[in-house]
């Protein structure tokens, strides 16, 4: 059985991801791009989090396009109210999302 080098627990019981996700300070904002298009910006992730995987999950759940730029997820459209429940399902702390 493999042991996690960070927390010392066996891999199936490892809590490193949960600790990293609960320590994030995530900000959700809207921005207006060219031609009046609205994008939703999700920022505040650390380097330890796989931002591309989170962006993929958000895009699938919200049925929209988007990209990752400079540690910020840009989603096409106005989704600021819908993102918080999805991030809490992914394991982020509800109090840490603004």
N, C-alpha and C. Protein backbone atom coordinates (compact mmCIF):
# COMPACT_ATOMS: atom_id res chain seq x y z
N UNK A 1 0.85 -1.18 0.00
CA UNK A 1 0.00 0.00 0.00
C UNK A 1 0.89 1.25 0.00
N UNK A 2 0.54 2.21 -0.84
CA UNK A 2 1.32 3.44 -0.93
C UNK A 2 0.96 4.39 0.21
N UNK A 3 1.95 5.17 0.62
CA UNK A 3 1.74 6.15 1.69
C UNK A 3 1.99 7.54 1.12
N UNK A 4 1.13 8.47 1.46
CA UNK A 4 1.26 9.85 0.98
C UNK A 4 2.47 10.51 1.63
N UNK A 5 3.34 11.15 0.84
CA UNK A 5 4.53 11.78 1.43
C UNK A 5 4.20 13.04 2.23
N UNK A 6 3.06 13.66 1.98
CA UNK A 6 2.73 14.91 2.67
C UNK A 6 2.13 14.67 4.06
N UNK A 7 1.08 13.81 4.12
CA UNK A 7 0.38 13.64 5.38
C UNK A 7 0.73 12.34 6.11
N UNK A 8 1.38 11.39 5.42
CA UNK A 8 1.79 10.16 6.06
C UNK A 8 0.70 9.12 6.16
N UNK A 9 -0.46 9.38 5.62
CA UNK A 9 -1.55 8.42 5.64
C UNK A 9 -1.51 7.56 4.39
N UNK A 10 -2.16 6.39 4.42
CA UNK A 10 -2.25 5.59 3.19
C UNK A 10 -2.99 6.36 2.10
N UNK A 11 -2.66 6.11 0.84
CA UNK A 11 -3.25 6.84 -0.29
C UNK A 11 -4.78 6.87 -0.26
N UNK A 12 -5.49 5.76 0.02
CA UNK A 12 -6.96 5.85 0.02
C UNK A 12 -7.51 6.76 1.12
N UNK A 13 -6.77 6.94 2.22
CA UNK A 13 -7.25 7.77 3.32
C UNK A 13 -6.61 9.15 3.33
N UNK A 14 -5.87 9.50 2.29
CA UNK A 14 -5.15 10.77 2.23
C UNK A 14 -6.13 11.95 2.27
N UNK A 15 -5.79 12.97 3.09
CA UNK A 15 -6.67 14.14 3.23
C UNK A 15 -6.00 15.41 2.72
N UNK A 16 -4.91 15.28 1.99
CA UNK A 16 -4.18 16.46 1.51
C UNK A 16 -5.04 17.33 0.59
N UNK A 17 -5.78 16.69 -0.33
CA UNK A 17 -6.62 17.46 -1.26
C UNK A 17 -7.69 18.25 -0.52
N UNK A 18 -8.31 17.62 0.48
CA UNK A 18 -9.36 18.30 1.23
C UNK A 18 -8.81 19.49 2.00
N UNK A 19 -7.61 19.34 2.57
CA UNK A 19 -7.00 20.44 3.31
C UNK A 19 -6.65 21.59 2.37
N UNK A 20 -6.11 21.26 1.20
CA UNK A 20 -5.76 22.30 0.22
C UNK A 20 -7.00 23.02 -0.27
N UNK A 21 -8.08 22.30 -0.53
CA UNK A 21 -9.30 22.93 -1.02
C UNK A 21 -9.95 23.81 0.03
N UNK A 22 -9.87 23.43 1.30
CA UNK A 22 -10.51 24.23 2.34
C UNK A 22 -9.73 25.50 2.67
N UNK A 23 -8.45 25.57 2.27
CA UNK A 23 -7.64 26.75 2.57
C UNK A 23 -7.66 27.79 1.45
N UNK A 24 -8.46 27.59 0.42
CA UNK A 24 -8.51 28.51 -0.72
C UNK A 24 -9.39 29.72 -0.40
N UNK A 25 -9.07 30.86 -1.00
CA UNK A 25 -9.92 32.06 -0.94
C UNK A 25 -10.37 32.35 -2.37
N UNK A 26 -11.53 31.88 -2.74
CA UNK A 26 -12.00 31.94 -4.12
C UNK A 26 -12.91 33.15 -4.31
N UNK A 27 -12.67 33.90 -5.40
CA UNK A 27 -13.46 35.07 -5.72
C UNK A 27 -14.20 34.83 -7.03
N UNK A 28 -15.48 35.18 -7.05
CA UNK A 28 -16.29 35.06 -8.26
C UNK A 28 -16.72 36.46 -8.66
N UNK A 29 -16.47 36.82 -9.93
CA UNK A 29 -16.81 38.16 -10.42
C UNK A 29 -17.27 38.07 -11.86
N UNK A 30 -17.97 39.11 -12.30
CA UNK A 30 -18.39 39.21 -13.70
C UNK A 30 -17.59 40.32 -14.36
N UNK A 31 -17.35 40.17 -15.65
CA UNK A 31 -16.62 41.16 -16.41
C UNK A 31 -17.26 41.29 -17.78
N UNK A 32 -17.19 42.47 -18.35
CA UNK A 32 -17.75 42.70 -19.67
C UNK A 32 -16.60 42.75 -20.66
N UNK A 33 -16.67 41.89 -21.67
CA UNK A 33 -15.63 41.84 -22.70
C UNK A 33 -16.09 42.63 -23.93
N UNK A 34 -15.34 42.47 -25.01
CA UNK A 34 -15.68 43.17 -26.24
C UNK A 34 -17.08 42.81 -26.72
N UNK A 35 -17.70 43.74 -27.39
CA UNK A 35 -19.03 43.59 -27.97
C UNK A 35 -20.10 43.30 -26.92
N UNK A 36 -19.86 43.69 -25.68
CA UNK A 36 -20.86 43.55 -24.62
C UNK A 36 -21.04 42.14 -24.07
N UNK A 37 -20.13 41.23 -24.38
CA UNK A 37 -20.23 39.86 -23.88
C UNK A 37 -19.83 39.83 -22.40
N UNK A 38 -20.58 39.06 -21.62
CA UNK A 38 -20.29 38.94 -20.19
C UNK A 38 -19.58 37.61 -19.94
N UNK A 39 -18.52 37.67 -19.13
CA UNK A 39 -17.82 36.46 -18.70
C UNK A 39 -17.80 36.43 -17.18
N UNK A 40 -17.79 35.24 -16.62
CA UNK A 40 -17.70 35.05 -15.19
C UNK A 40 -16.27 34.63 -14.87
N UNK A 41 -15.63 35.33 -13.94
CA UNK A 41 -14.24 35.05 -13.56
C UNK A 41 -14.20 34.36 -12.20
N UNK A 42 -13.49 33.26 -12.11
CA UNK A 42 -13.30 32.54 -10.85
C UNK A 42 -11.81 32.53 -10.58
N UNK A 43 -11.37 33.18 -9.50
CA UNK A 43 -9.93 33.30 -9.22
C UNK A 43 -9.65 33.02 -7.75
N UNK A 44 -8.36 32.98 -7.41
CA UNK A 44 -7.93 32.77 -6.03
C UNK A 44 -7.44 31.38 -5.75
N UNK A 45 -7.12 30.60 -6.78
CA UNK A 45 -6.65 29.23 -6.58
C UNK A 45 -5.14 29.22 -6.34
N UNK A 46 -4.67 28.29 -5.51
CA UNK A 46 -3.24 28.09 -5.28
C UNK A 46 -2.65 27.24 -6.40
N UNK A 47 -1.32 27.12 -6.39
CA UNK A 47 -0.64 26.29 -7.38
C UNK A 47 -0.91 24.81 -7.15
N UNK A 48 -1.27 24.44 -5.93
CA UNK A 48 -1.46 23.03 -5.60
C UNK A 48 -2.75 22.45 -6.17
N UNK A 49 -3.65 23.29 -6.65
CA UNK A 49 -4.94 22.85 -7.17
C UNK A 49 -4.86 22.72 -8.69
N UNK A 50 -5.48 21.69 -9.24
CA UNK A 50 -5.52 21.48 -10.69
C UNK A 50 -6.64 22.35 -11.28
N UNK A 51 -6.29 23.55 -11.71
CA UNK A 51 -7.27 24.52 -12.18
C UNK A 51 -7.94 24.04 -13.46
N UNK A 52 -7.19 23.38 -14.34
CA UNK A 52 -7.76 22.92 -15.61
C UNK A 52 -8.87 21.90 -15.38
N UNK A 53 -8.67 21.02 -14.40
CA UNK A 53 -9.70 20.02 -14.10
C UNK A 53 -10.95 20.68 -13.53
N UNK A 54 -10.79 21.69 -12.67
CA UNK A 54 -11.94 22.41 -12.12
C UNK A 54 -12.68 23.17 -13.22
N UNK A 55 -11.92 23.79 -14.13
CA UNK A 55 -12.54 24.51 -15.24
C UNK A 55 -13.33 23.56 -16.12
N UNK A 56 -12.79 22.38 -16.36
CA UNK A 56 -13.49 21.39 -17.18
C UNK A 56 -14.79 20.98 -16.52
N UNK A 57 -14.76 20.76 -15.21
CA UNK A 57 -15.96 20.36 -14.49
C UNK A 57 -17.01 21.47 -14.50
N UNK A 58 -16.57 22.72 -14.29
CA UNK A 58 -17.51 23.85 -14.32
C UNK A 58 -18.14 24.01 -15.70
N UNK A 59 -17.34 23.89 -16.74
CA UNK A 59 -17.87 24.03 -18.10
C UNK A 59 -18.88 22.93 -18.42
N UNK A 60 -18.62 21.71 -17.95
CA UNK A 60 -19.56 20.61 -18.17
C UNK A 60 -20.86 20.84 -17.42
N UNK A 61 -20.77 21.25 -16.16
CA UNK A 61 -21.96 21.43 -15.34
C UNK A 61 -22.81 22.62 -15.81
N UNK A 62 -22.16 23.68 -16.26
CA UNK A 62 -22.87 24.90 -16.65
C UNK A 62 -23.19 24.95 -18.14
N UNK A 63 -22.72 23.99 -18.91
CA UNK A 63 -22.95 23.91 -20.36
C UNK A 63 -22.55 25.21 -21.04
N UNK A 64 -21.30 25.62 -20.81
CA UNK A 64 -20.80 26.84 -21.42
C UNK A 64 -19.34 26.63 -21.81
N UNK A 65 -18.81 27.58 -22.57
CA UNK A 65 -17.40 27.55 -22.94
C UNK A 65 -16.58 28.32 -21.92
N UNK A 66 -15.28 28.20 -22.03
CA UNK A 66 -14.42 28.93 -21.11
C UNK A 66 -12.97 28.57 -21.31
N UNK A 67 -12.11 29.21 -20.49
CA UNK A 67 -10.68 28.98 -20.59
C UNK A 67 -10.03 29.26 -19.25
N UNK A 68 -8.73 28.93 -19.15
CA UNK A 68 -7.94 29.22 -17.95
C UNK A 68 -6.84 30.18 -18.36
N UNK A 69 -6.79 31.34 -17.70
CA UNK A 69 -5.74 32.34 -17.95
C UNK A 69 -5.21 32.87 -16.63
N UNK A 70 -3.90 32.83 -16.45
CA UNK A 70 -3.24 33.42 -15.28
C UNK A 70 -3.90 33.00 -13.96
N UNK A 71 -4.09 31.70 -13.73
CA UNK A 71 -4.70 31.16 -12.52
C UNK A 71 -6.14 31.63 -12.33
N UNK A 72 -6.80 32.03 -13.41
CA UNK A 72 -8.19 32.47 -13.36
C UNK A 72 -8.99 31.68 -14.39
N UNK A 73 -10.16 31.22 -13.96
CA UNK A 73 -11.06 30.53 -14.88
C UNK A 73 -12.03 31.54 -15.45
N UNK A 74 -12.12 31.62 -16.77
CA UNK A 74 -13.07 32.50 -17.45
C UNK A 74 -14.15 31.64 -18.07
N UNK A 75 -15.41 31.88 -17.68
CA UNK A 75 -16.54 31.14 -18.22
C UNK A 75 -17.42 32.09 -19.01
N UNK A 76 -17.86 31.65 -20.18
CA UNK A 76 -18.69 32.50 -21.02
C UNK A 76 -20.10 32.57 -20.44
N UNK A 77 -20.58 33.79 -20.22
CA UNK A 77 -21.93 33.98 -19.72
C UNK A 77 -21.96 34.38 -18.26
N UNK A 78 -23.15 34.66 -17.76
CA UNK A 78 -23.38 35.09 -16.38
C UNK A 78 -23.74 33.87 -15.54
N UNK A 79 -22.77 33.38 -14.74
CA UNK A 79 -22.97 32.16 -13.95
C UNK A 79 -22.61 32.35 -12.48
N UNK A 80 -22.52 33.59 -12.00
CA UNK A 80 -22.00 33.82 -10.65
C UNK A 80 -22.85 33.17 -9.56
N UNK A 81 -24.15 33.05 -9.76
CA UNK A 81 -25.01 32.44 -8.74
C UNK A 81 -24.93 30.91 -8.75
N UNK A 82 -24.59 30.32 -9.89
CA UNK A 82 -24.60 28.86 -10.03
C UNK A 82 -23.26 28.21 -9.66
N UNK A 83 -22.19 29.00 -9.59
CA UNK A 83 -20.86 28.42 -9.40
C UNK A 83 -20.63 27.95 -7.97
N UNK A 84 -21.13 28.69 -6.98
CA UNK A 84 -20.86 28.36 -5.58
C UNK A 84 -21.32 26.94 -5.20
N UNK A 85 -22.56 26.53 -5.56
CA UNK A 85 -22.94 25.15 -5.22
C UNK A 85 -22.09 24.09 -5.90
N UNK A 86 -21.66 24.36 -7.12
CA UNK A 86 -20.84 23.38 -7.84
C UNK A 86 -19.47 23.26 -7.17
N UNK A 87 -18.88 24.39 -6.76
CA UNK A 87 -17.57 24.34 -6.10
C UNK A 87 -17.66 23.65 -4.74
N UNK A 88 -18.77 23.82 -4.02
CA UNK A 88 -18.91 23.13 -2.73
C UNK A 88 -19.04 21.62 -2.95
N UNK A 89 -19.68 21.20 -4.05
CA UNK A 89 -19.75 19.76 -4.36
C UNK A 89 -18.38 19.20 -4.69
N UNK A 90 -17.51 20.05 -5.27
CA UNK A 90 -16.16 19.61 -5.61
C UNK A 90 -15.23 19.57 -4.40
N UNK A 91 -15.71 20.01 -3.22
CA UNK A 91 -14.93 19.89 -2.00
C UNK A 91 -14.39 21.18 -1.45
N UNK A 92 -14.74 22.32 -2.03
CA UNK A 92 -14.27 23.60 -1.51
C UNK A 92 -15.16 24.05 -0.37
N UNK A 93 -14.59 24.82 0.56
CA UNK A 93 -15.33 25.33 1.71
C UNK A 93 -16.29 26.43 1.27
N UNK A 94 -17.55 26.36 1.70
CA UNK A 94 -18.54 27.35 1.28
C UNK A 94 -18.21 28.74 1.80
N UNK A 95 -17.62 28.82 3.00
CA UNK A 95 -17.27 30.12 3.59
C UNK A 95 -16.12 30.79 2.85
N UNK A 96 -15.30 30.01 2.15
CA UNK A 96 -14.12 30.57 1.48
C UNK A 96 -14.45 31.09 0.08
N UNK A 97 -15.71 30.96 -0.37
CA UNK A 97 -16.09 31.41 -1.71
C UNK A 97 -16.83 32.73 -1.58
N UNK A 98 -16.33 33.76 -2.26
CA UNK A 98 -16.96 35.09 -2.20
C UNK A 98 -17.50 35.45 -3.57
